[in-house]
């Protein structure tokens, strides 16, 4: 038999345990790349009230701690190009997860950006040429441009005209804006067949009717020291291999349901070597029509 006071104390203890469990589940069950200070801000109802540069730096620091970012060069460029400027309003800009950017496209998770930049960094030296197929938000193209500099060339190709238009605006707000204005960074519409379409592409986009789709790359600025493909191909497109410079490297997800991030190196004699870096999950490299219909 419990006395009245003992029963009351037991009930109080149970209530306290329940409250602690609720607090734990609410604040600690999923902690996507938060620092202790960020968690305090969330608890106080002021999560992510700091400036975007600070938030972006926290994200990069976390990727360094996790071993995704291994070099100073990659860390510097990801700190310089603020991811938050490339993610549409209403999304969690600095969480390590892919985010929708419209038209059934996404901006890749930060850890994938860091991984690809690390794999390509030796081929993104000042003065080199880089191609970003499926450039989407323009984030990685901007990173490429910062690494190759004014004397290099970074080209983004995307087959959704509206995404090209928004990516140009994103870049204009970023640290890469001067490279866009100077011409060493360019973003292009590919895969646009104007015949029979009641559609006027944005005037800020560069149009090329000759391009059929992103699988054909962008021959105008070839050969490229670095090629990145931001969507999964069933197999490595031959035109991209042709546009890869001897001594260059391509990073491309390959597969349908099961995908591997493949690292393709073209040796100086023109021969090709391929290795799988890791298993990944990307949206498919497809046509504009199929993408707009949800693949």
Protein backbone atom coordinates (compact mmCIF):
# COMPACT_ATOMS: atom_id res chain seq x y z
CA UNK A 1 0.00 0.00 0.00
CA UNK A 2 1.25 3.46 -0.89
CA UNK A 3 0.58 6.30 1.40
CA UNK A 4 -0.93 9.42 -0.12
CA UNK A 5 2.40 11.31 -0.19
CA UNK A 6 4.27 8.33 -1.67
CA UNK A 7 1.64 7.91 -4.40
CA UNK A 8 1.82 11.60 -5.20
CA UNK A 9 5.61 11.46 -5.43
CA UNK A 10 5.44 8.41 -7.73
CA UNK A 11 2.95 10.21 -10.01
CA UNK A 12 5.14 13.30 -10.06
CA UNK A 13 8.14 11.15 -11.03
CA UNK A 14 6.22 9.48 -13.85
CA UNK A 15 5.05 12.84 -15.20
CA UNK A 16 8.62 14.15 -15.07
CA UNK A 17 9.91 11.10 -16.98
CA UNK A 18 7.19 11.52 -19.61
CA UNK A 19 8.01 15.20 -20.05
CA UNK A 20 11.71 14.43 -20.39
CA UNK A 21 10.92 11.78 -23.01
CA UNK A 22 8.85 14.29 -25.01
CA UNK A 23 11.65 16.85 -24.85
CA UNK A 24 14.20 14.23 -25.96
CA UNK A 25 12.14 13.13 -28.94
CA UNK A 26 11.37 16.68 -29.99
CA UNK A 27 14.88 18.08 -29.84
CA UNK A 28 17.37 15.23 -29.96
CA UNK A 29 15.90 12.35 -31.97
CA UNK A 30 16.91 13.88 -35.32
CA UNK A 31 19.73 16.40 -35.20
CA UNK A 32 20.68 17.21 -38.80
CA UNK A 33 24.07 18.86 -38.54
CA UNK A 34 23.34 21.20 -35.65
CA UNK A 35 25.92 22.58 -33.29
CA UNK A 36 25.23 22.92 -29.58
CA UNK A 37 24.67 26.62 -30.08
CA UNK A 38 22.19 25.99 -32.89
CA UNK A 39 20.28 23.56 -30.69
CA UNK A 40 20.04 26.21 -27.97
CA UNK A 41 18.68 28.63 -30.57
CA UNK A 42 16.05 26.10 -31.63
CA UNK A 43 14.98 25.46 -28.04
CA UNK A 44 14.60 29.17 -27.47
CA UNK A 45 12.56 29.48 -30.67
CA UNK A 46 15.25 31.34 -32.63
CA UNK A 47 16.80 28.60 -34.76
CA UNK A 48 18.94 29.91 -37.66
CA UNK A 49 18.58 33.57 -36.85
CA UNK A 50 22.26 34.21 -37.54
CA UNK A 51 23.59 35.52 -40.84
CA UNK A 52 23.68 33.17 -43.82
CA UNK A 53 27.48 33.30 -44.01
CA UNK A 54 27.71 31.98 -40.45
CA UNK A 55 25.22 29.21 -41.19
CA UNK A 56 27.06 28.21 -44.34
CA UNK A 57 30.35 28.11 -42.43
CA UNK A 58 28.81 25.82 -39.80
CA UNK A 59 27.69 23.48 -42.58
CA UNK A 60 31.17 23.38 -44.10
CA UNK A 61 32.75 22.81 -40.69
CA UNK A 62 30.44 19.84 -40.12
CA UNK A 63 31.38 18.35 -43.50
CA UNK A 64 35.04 18.73 -42.57
CA UNK A 65 34.44 16.97 -39.25
CA UNK A 66 32.65 14.11 -41.03
CA UNK A 67 35.60 13.69 -43.40
CA UNK A 68 33.65 14.68 -46.53
CA UNK A 69 35.73 17.81 -47.10
CA UNK A 70 39.39 16.91 -46.88
CA UNK A 71 41.23 19.85 -48.40
CA UNK A 72 41.50 23.56 -47.72
CA UNK A 73 40.74 24.36 -51.36
CA UNK A 74 37.33 22.67 -51.31
CA UNK A 75 36.49 24.09 -47.89
CA UNK A 76 37.27 27.61 -49.06
CA UNK A 77 35.13 27.44 -52.18
CA UNK A 78 32.15 25.95 -50.31
CA UNK A 79 32.46 28.68 -47.69
CA UNK A 80 32.67 31.33 -50.40
CA UNK A 81 29.64 30.13 -52.40
CA UNK A 82 26.73 30.34 -49.96
CA UNK A 83 24.39 27.38 -50.49
CA UNK A 84 21.48 29.37 -49.09
CA UNK A 85 21.48 31.62 -52.15
CA UNK A 86 20.76 28.61 -54.39
CA UNK A 87 17.94 26.97 -52.41
CA UNK A 88 14.38 28.28 -52.93
CA UNK A 89 12.69 30.05 -50.04
CA UNK A 90 10.82 27.80 -47.65
CA UNK A 91 13.43 25.03 -47.66
CA UNK A 92 16.05 24.20 -45.05
CA UNK A 93 19.06 25.71 -46.80
CA UNK A 94 21.83 24.29 -44.63
CA UNK A 95 20.62 20.77 -43.83
CA UNK A 96 22.69 17.97 -45.38
CA UNK A 97 19.94 16.76 -47.67
CA UNK A 98 18.89 17.30 -51.29
CA UNK A 99 16.24 20.01 -51.69
CA UNK A 100 13.62 20.54 -54.42
CA UNK A 101 14.21 23.49 -56.73
CA UNK A 102 11.15 23.01 -58.94
CA UNK A 103 10.39 21.16 -62.19
CA UNK A 104 11.12 17.78 -60.54
CA UNK A 105 14.74 18.81 -60.04
CA UNK A 106 16.78 19.05 -56.85
CA UNK A 107 19.93 20.66 -55.54
CA UNK A 108 22.14 17.84 -54.30
CA UNK A 109 22.94 17.34 -50.64
CA UNK A 110 25.99 19.30 -49.44
CA UNK A 111 27.95 16.10 -48.78
CA UNK A 112 27.58 15.15 -52.45
CA UNK A 113 28.80 18.57 -53.55
CA UNK A 114 31.80 18.20 -51.25
CA UNK A 115 32.48 14.68 -52.50
CA UNK A 116 32.39 15.72 -56.18
CA UNK A 117 34.56 18.79 -55.60
CA UNK A 118 37.14 16.66 -53.80
CA UNK A 119 37.14 14.13 -56.65
CA UNK A 120 37.56 16.88 -59.27
CA UNK A 121 39.77 19.39 -57.46
CA UNK A 122 42.98 18.52 -59.34
CA UNK A 123 41.10 19.12 -62.58
CA UNK A 124 39.71 22.48 -61.45
CA UNK A 125 43.00 24.36 -61.34
CA UNK A 126 43.16 28.01 -62.46
CA UNK A 127 42.81 28.27 -66.23
CA UNK A 128 41.14 24.89 -66.70
CA UNK A 129 37.75 24.19 -68.33
CA UNK A 130 34.85 22.51 -66.49
CA UNK A 131 31.42 21.33 -67.61
CA UNK A 132 28.43 20.85 -65.30
CA UNK A 133 25.69 18.78 -66.97
CA UNK A 134 22.31 19.22 -65.29
CA UNK A 135 23.45 22.44 -63.63
CA UNK A 136 20.07 23.00 -61.92
CA UNK A 137 20.41 25.71 -59.29
CA UNK A 138 23.85 26.74 -60.59
CA UNK A 139 25.57 26.05 -57.26
CA UNK A 140 28.22 23.60 -58.40
CA UNK A 141 28.86 25.53 -61.62
CA UNK A 142 29.57 28.58 -59.45
CA UNK A 143 31.98 26.53 -57.32
CA UNK A 144 33.76 25.34 -60.48
CA UNK A 145 34.06 28.92 -61.70
CA UNK A 146 35.62 30.06 -58.44
CA UNK A 147 38.20 27.28 -58.67
CA UNK A 148 39.19 27.73 -62.33
CA UNK A 149 39.17 31.52 -62.05
CA UNK A 150 39.03 34.30 -64.62
CA UNK A 151 41.40 32.56 -67.00
CA UNK A 152 39.39 29.33 -66.90
CA UNK A 153 35.91 28.44 -68.05
CA UNK A 154 32.97 26.92 -66.17
CA UNK A 155 29.97 25.91 -68.28
CA UNK A 156 26.58 24.83 -66.94
CA UNK A 157 24.05 23.02 -69.15
CA UNK A 158 20.42 22.54 -68.09
CA UNK A 159 17.41 21.60 -70.25
CA UNK A 160 14.76 23.42 -68.18
CA UNK A 161 14.85 27.08 -69.32
CA UNK A 162 13.20 28.32 -66.13
CA UNK A 163 15.93 26.68 -64.04
CA UNK A 164 18.61 28.30 -66.17
CA UNK A 165 16.97 31.68 -65.62
CA UNK A 166 16.75 31.19 -61.85
CA UNK A 167 20.31 29.81 -61.68
CA UNK A 168 21.61 32.95 -63.37
CA UNK A 169 19.85 35.05 -60.73
CA UNK A 170 21.29 32.82 -58.01
CA UNK A 171 24.82 33.30 -59.32
CA UNK A 172 24.32 37.05 -59.60
CA UNK A 173 23.67 37.16 -55.84
CA UNK A 174 26.72 35.05 -55.06
CA UNK A 175 30.48 35.59 -54.87
CA UNK A 176 30.73 34.23 -58.44
CA UNK A 177 28.76 37.13 -59.96
CA UNK A 178 31.86 38.85 -61.37
CA UNK A 179 32.83 35.61 -63.16
CA UNK A 180 29.39 35.46 -64.76
CA UNK A 181 29.68 39.05 -65.90
CA UNK A 182 33.23 38.45 -67.15
CA UNK A 183 32.23 35.47 -69.26
CA UNK A 184 34.30 32.79 -67.55
CA UNK A 185 31.08 31.34 -66.12
CA UNK A 186 28.13 30.64 -68.42
CA UNK A 187 24.82 28.83 -68.07
CA UNK A 188 23.03 27.45 -71.12
CA UNK A 189 19.72 25.91 -72.10
CA UNK A 190 20.08 22.50 -73.74
CA UNK A 191 17.46 20.18 -75.15
CA UNK A 192 15.07 22.93 -76.16
CA UNK A 193 13.21 22.33 -79.40
CA UNK A 194 11.40 25.55 -80.21
CA UNK A 195 9.45 24.10 -83.13
CA UNK A 196 5.78 23.69 -82.28
CA UNK A 197 6.15 24.98 -78.73
CA UNK A 198 4.19 27.96 -77.51
CA UNK A 199 6.96 29.01 -75.15
CA UNK A 200 9.30 31.97 -75.00
CA UNK A 201 12.47 31.15 -73.05
CA UNK A 202 13.74 33.82 -70.65
CA UNK A 203 15.83 36.43 -72.42
CA UNK A 204 18.64 35.96 -69.90
CA UNK A 205 19.18 32.36 -71.01
CA UNK A 206 21.52 31.42 -73.79
CA UNK A 207 19.66 29.21 -76.25
CA UNK A 208 21.13 26.63 -78.60
CA UNK A 209 18.69 24.84 -80.92
CA UNK A 210 21.44 22.48 -82.08
CA UNK A 211 21.61 20.78 -78.67
CA UNK A 212 19.32 17.78 -78.24
CA UNK A 213 19.85 17.14 -74.53
CA UNK A 214 22.40 17.38 -71.73
CA UNK A 215 23.87 14.00 -72.66
CA UNK A 216 25.52 15.76 -75.58
CA UNK A 217 27.36 18.16 -73.29
CA UNK A 218 28.51 21.50 -74.68
CA UNK A 219 31.03 21.02 -77.52
CA UNK A 220 31.59 24.75 -77.97
CA UNK A 221 34.02 24.98 -75.04
CA UNK A 222 35.41 21.43 -75.23
CA UNK A 223 37.65 19.73 -74.35
CA UNK A 224 37.06 19.86 -70.60
CA UNK A 225 39.48 19.07 -67.82
CA UNK A 226 36.55 18.29 -65.50
CA UNK A 227 33.01 17.12 -66.24
CA UNK A 228 30.33 16.66 -63.60
CA UNK A 229 26.94 15.12 -64.33
CA UNK A 230 24.22 15.88 -61.80
CA UNK A 231 21.76 13.15 -62.83
CA UNK A 232 22.03 9.40 -63.27
CA UNK A 233 22.64 8.04 -66.77
CA UNK A 234 21.86 4.46 -67.80
CA UNK A 235 25.36 4.40 -69.28
CA UNK A 236 28.12 6.94 -69.75
CA UNK A 237 27.20 9.12 -72.76
CA UNK A 238 29.78 8.88 -75.55
CA UNK A 239 29.62 12.63 -76.38
CA UNK A 240 30.76 13.43 -72.84
CA UNK A 241 33.67 11.00 -73.15
CA UNK A 242 34.57 12.68 -76.43
CA UNK A 243 34.53 16.12 -74.79
CA UNK A 244 36.73 15.01 -71.88
CA UNK A 245 40.28 16.21 -72.33
CA UNK A 246 43.14 13.66 -72.21
CA UNK A 247 44.29 13.80 -68.60
CA UNK A 248 40.82 14.95 -67.54
CA UNK A 249 38.25 13.44 -65.20
CA UNK A 250 34.47 13.00 -65.23
CA UNK A 251 32.27 12.25 -62.22
CA UNK A 252 28.89 10.77 -63.14
CA UNK A 253 26.20 8.70 -61.40
CA UNK A 254 25.39 5.62 -63.48
CA UNK A 255 22.51 3.20 -63.11
CA UNK A 256 18.74 3.16 -62.78
CA UNK A 257 17.41 1.91 -59.44
CA UNK A 258 20.87 0.95 -58.18
CA UNK A 259 23.39 3.69 -58.96
CA UNK A 260 27.12 4.16 -58.52
CA UNK A 261 29.05 7.41 -58.59
CA UNK A 262 31.65 6.58 -61.23
CA UNK A 263 34.99 8.31 -61.65
CA UNK A 264 36.06 8.32 -65.28
CA UNK A 265 39.67 9.20 -66.10
CA UNK A 266 40.88 9.76 -69.65
CA UNK A 267 44.59 9.02 -69.88
CA UNK A 268 46.95 11.03 -72.04
CA UNK A 269 46.84 8.34 -74.73
CA UNK A 270 43.04 8.63 -74.85
CA UNK A 271 42.29 5.36 -73.06
CA UNK A 272 39.58 5.32 -70.39
CA UNK A 273 39.62 3.96 -66.84
CA UNK A 274 36.50 3.79 -64.68
CA UNK A 275 36.07 3.10 -60.99
CA UNK A 276 33.07 3.28 -58.64
CA UNK A 277 33.42 5.72 -55.78
CA UNK A 278 30.23 5.05 -53.82
CA UNK A 279 26.58 4.08 -54.12
CA UNK A 280 24.30 7.05 -54.70
CA UNK A 281 20.71 7.98 -55.50
CA UNK A 282 20.19 10.70 -58.13
CA UNK A 283 17.28 11.77 -60.29
CA UNK A 284 17.60 10.29 -63.81
CA UNK A 285 19.33 12.01 -66.70
CA UNK A 286 16.35 12.29 -69.00
CA UNK A 287 14.58 14.51 -71.50
CA UNK A 288 12.89 17.78 -70.63
CA UNK A 289 9.45 16.35 -71.39
CA UNK A 290 9.99 13.25 -69.24
CA UNK A 291 11.32 15.34 -66.36
CA UNK A 292 8.35 17.71 -66.40
CA UNK A 293 6.03 14.69 -66.38
CA UNK A 294 7.78 13.24 -63.34
CA UNK A 295 10.04 10.90 -65.34
